[in-house]
Protein backbone atom coordinates (compact mmCIF):
# COMPACT_ATOMS: atom_id res chain seq x y z
CA MET A 1 11.51 -1.39 -6.08
CA TRP A 2 11.49 -3.01 -2.64
CA GLN A 3 14.12 -5.53 -3.72
CA LYS A 4 16.43 -2.66 -4.69
CA ILE A 5 15.97 -1.10 -1.26
CA VAL A 6 16.63 -4.43 0.47
CA GLU A 7 19.73 -4.93 -1.66
CA HIS A 8 21.26 -1.71 -0.31
CA LEU A 9 20.04 -1.98 3.30
CA LYS A 10 20.18 -5.75 3.97
CA ASN A 11 23.18 -5.38 6.30
CA HIS A 12 21.31 -2.75 8.33
CA PRO A 13 18.05 -4.33 9.58
CA GLU A 14 17.03 -1.28 11.62
CA ARG A 15 17.51 1.02 8.64
CA LEU A 16 15.52 -1.43 6.54
CA ARG A 17 12.65 -1.12 9.06
CA VAL A 18 12.84 2.66 8.68
CA ALA A 19 12.76 2.32 4.89
CA LYS A 20 9.71 0.07 5.14
CA VAL A 21 7.84 2.67 7.22
CA LEU A 22 8.76 5.33 4.67
CA VAL A 23 7.59 3.25 1.70
CA GLU A 24 4.39 2.01 3.35
CA ASN A 25 3.38 5.58 4.12
CA GLY A 26 4.56 7.13 0.87
CA PHE A 27 7.09 9.33 2.70
CA SER A 28 9.82 10.96 0.65
CA ILE A 29 13.28 12.17 1.60
CA LYS A 30 14.43 15.58 0.40
CA ASN A 31 17.38 17.61 1.67
CA GLY A 32 17.82 15.50 4.78
CA LYS A 33 14.18 15.64 5.82
CA ILE A 34 11.17 13.33 5.60
CA TYR A 35 7.97 14.47 3.90
CA CYS A 36 4.45 13.27 3.31
CA ASN A 37 3.88 15.15 0.06
CA GLU A 38 4.70 18.71 1.22
CA ILE A 39 4.30 18.17 4.99
CA GLU A 40 7.49 17.59 6.96
CA ILE A 41 7.35 14.52 9.21
CA PRO A 42 9.37 14.59 12.46
CA VAL A 43 12.20 12.05 12.56
CA VAL A 44 11.17 11.04 16.08
CA GLU A 45 7.72 9.94 14.86
CA VAL A 46 9.20 7.73 12.14
CA ALA A 47 11.56 6.29 14.75
CA ARG A 48 8.65 5.48 17.06
CA VAL A 49 6.71 3.66 14.34
CA ALA A 50 9.80 1.78 13.10
CA GLY A 51 10.80 0.82 16.65
CA VAL A 52 14.23 2.44 16.41
CA ASP A 53 15.89 5.55 17.84
CA ARG A 54 15.93 8.87 16.00
CA ARG A 55 19.64 8.52 15.21
CA THR A 56 18.86 5.40 13.17
CA VAL A 57 16.32 7.37 11.14
CA SER A 58 18.87 10.14 10.58
CA GLN A 59 21.50 7.57 9.51
CA THR A 60 18.96 6.00 7.14
CA ILE A 61 18.25 9.40 5.57
CA LYS A 62 21.98 10.04 5.05
CA MET A 63 22.52 6.58 3.58
CA VAL A 64 19.53 6.92 1.22
CA GLU A 65 20.76 10.31 0.01
CA SER A 66 24.27 8.94 -0.59
CA ILE A 67 23.11 6.12 -2.89
CA PRO A 68 21.81 7.52 -6.22
CA GLU A 69 19.41 4.62 -6.84
CA LEU A 70 17.82 4.98 -3.40
CA GLN A 71 17.85 8.75 -3.58
CA THR A 72 15.82 8.60 -6.80
CA ILE A 73 13.25 6.26 -5.28
CA PHE A 74 12.82 8.18 -2.03
CA ARG A 75 12.93 11.64 -3.57
CA HIS A 76 10.01 10.88 -5.89
CA ILE A 77 7.79 8.58 -3.81
CA LYS A 78 4.44 10.10 -2.87
CA SER A 79 1.57 9.17 -0.63
CA ALA A 80 -1.18 7.34 -2.52
CA GLY A 81 -3.75 9.44 -0.70
CA HIS A 82 -6.63 8.73 1.59
CA SER A 83 -8.37 5.41 2.01
CA LEU A 84 -12.13 5.14 2.39
CA LYS A 85 -11.93 1.55 3.68
CA GLU A 86 -12.18 2.34 7.40
CA ILE A 87 -15.02 4.83 7.00
CA ALA A 88 -16.97 3.07 4.26
CA LYS A 89 -19.66 1.70 6.59
CA TYR A 90 -20.34 5.19 7.97
CA LEU A 91 -20.77 6.48 4.42
CA ASN A 92 -23.01 3.53 3.46
CA PHE A 93 -20.44 2.35 0.93
CA GLY A 94 -19.80 -1.27 0.15
CA VAL A 95 -16.41 -2.92 0.51
CA VAL A 96 -15.18 -6.11 -1.11
CA GLU A 97 -11.78 -7.48 -0.17
CA ILE A 98 -10.22 -9.99 -2.54
CA THR A 99 -7.23 -12.18 -1.67
CA PRO A 100 -5.42 -13.60 -4.69
CA THR A 101 -3.73 -17.00 -4.87
CA SER A 102 -0.80 -15.10 -6.39
CA ALA A 103 -0.29 -11.39 -6.90
CA LYS A 104 1.26 -12.13 -10.28
CA ILE A 105 -1.98 -13.31 -11.93
CA PRO A 106 -3.28 -10.55 -14.22
CA GLY A 107 -6.91 -9.52 -14.58
CA ILE A 108 -8.23 -9.81 -11.03
CA LEU A 109 -8.87 -6.07 -10.72
CA ALA A 110 -10.31 -5.83 -14.23
CA TYR A 111 -12.71 -8.77 -13.88
CA SER A 112 -13.80 -7.73 -10.38
CA ALA A 113 -14.54 -4.21 -11.59
CA MET A 114 -16.43 -5.61 -14.57
CA LEU A 115 -18.66 -7.75 -12.31
CA LEU A 116 -19.54 -4.70 -10.23
CA ALA A 117 -20.14 -2.58 -13.34
CA LYS A 118 -22.52 -5.22 -14.76
CA ARG A 119 -24.59 -4.80 -11.56
CA ASN A 120 -24.49 -1.01 -12.07
CA ILE A 121 -22.33 -0.59 -8.96
CA SER A 122 -19.95 2.34 -9.19
CA ILE A 123 -16.48 1.94 -7.67
CA ARG A 124 -15.32 4.90 -5.57
CA GLN A 125 -11.87 3.56 -4.84
CA ALA A 126 -9.62 0.60 -5.60
CA LEU A 127 -6.72 -0.21 -3.27
CA VAL A 128 -4.13 -2.80 -4.19
CA ASP A 129 -1.44 -3.92 -1.75
CA ASP A 130 2.09 -4.15 -3.09
CA PRO A 131 2.99 -7.87 -3.04
CA GLU A 132 6.61 -7.02 -2.20
CA LEU A 133 5.58 -5.16 0.96
CA SER A 134 2.54 -7.07 2.14
CA PRO A 135 2.78 -10.71 3.22
CA GLU A 136 -0.85 -11.25 2.19
CA PRO A 137 -1.67 -8.69 -0.51
CA LYS A 138 -5.30 -7.85 -1.16
CA LEU A 139 -7.41 -5.97 -3.64
CA THR A 140 -9.99 -3.78 -1.91
CA LEU A 141 -12.83 -2.19 -3.85
CA ILE A 142 -14.96 0.48 -2.21
CA ALA A 143 -18.29 0.98 -3.98
CA GLU A 144 -21.06 3.58 -3.89
CA THR A 145 -23.51 1.01 -2.54
CA LYS A 146 -23.42 -2.20 -0.52
CA ILE A 147 -22.07 -5.22 -2.41
CA PRO A 148 -24.71 -7.94 -2.82
CA GLY A 149 -23.71 -11.30 -1.35
CA GLU A 150 -24.63 -13.13 -4.54
CA LEU A 151 -21.55 -11.60 -6.19
CA VAL A 152 -19.22 -13.63 -3.93
CA PRO A 153 -19.44 -16.88 -5.96
CA LYS A 154 -18.89 -14.93 -9.18
CA LEU A 155 -15.86 -13.16 -7.74
CA LEU A 156 -14.48 -16.49 -6.52
CA LYS A 157 -14.68 -17.84 -10.10
CA ILE A 158 -12.18 -15.22 -11.31
CA ARG A 159 -8.88 -16.91 -12.11
CA GLY A 160 -6.45 -16.33 -9.27
CA VAL A 161 -8.98 -15.37 -6.57
CA GLU A 162 -8.58 -17.36 -3.37
CA LYS A 163 -10.87 -15.57 -0.91
CA VAL A 164 -13.56 -12.86 -0.98
CA SER A 165 -14.91 -10.86 1.96
CA ILE A 166 -17.71 -8.31 1.81
CA TYR A 167 -18.17 -5.60 4.44
């Protein structure tokens, strides 16, 4: 998906920055406006985050709506929802962050979840960074209880896992 966006916006680096903000936040474009699900997002706020002026955001919207492939992507994108990662410690949840050697190796999520399940640890949320958008994608698992440190070596044995952090 991201490569398709880059393909169309590569000659417009500021518009590409706007597109990145939209994708990272799950913002859609409908009828010349930006939305987070059903909530309209002011153009000026997107401009501030992207480090561009509001006219650039407006031009990006027009360009996206004029290219059928981009229009389809941005019309249907939705926010993935809330993340418990930043509030996990206040809720007494456990967090394990896994950095893969390559985001293309299958099974990291499955085997990590299996290791937690074998310890009777319930996963509340799994967050996976898109490798096309994140320079260092990670798998983050938020669990009902703290993650025991003795799981780190087992998680590191999963094929494709480079680094494990527990919070």
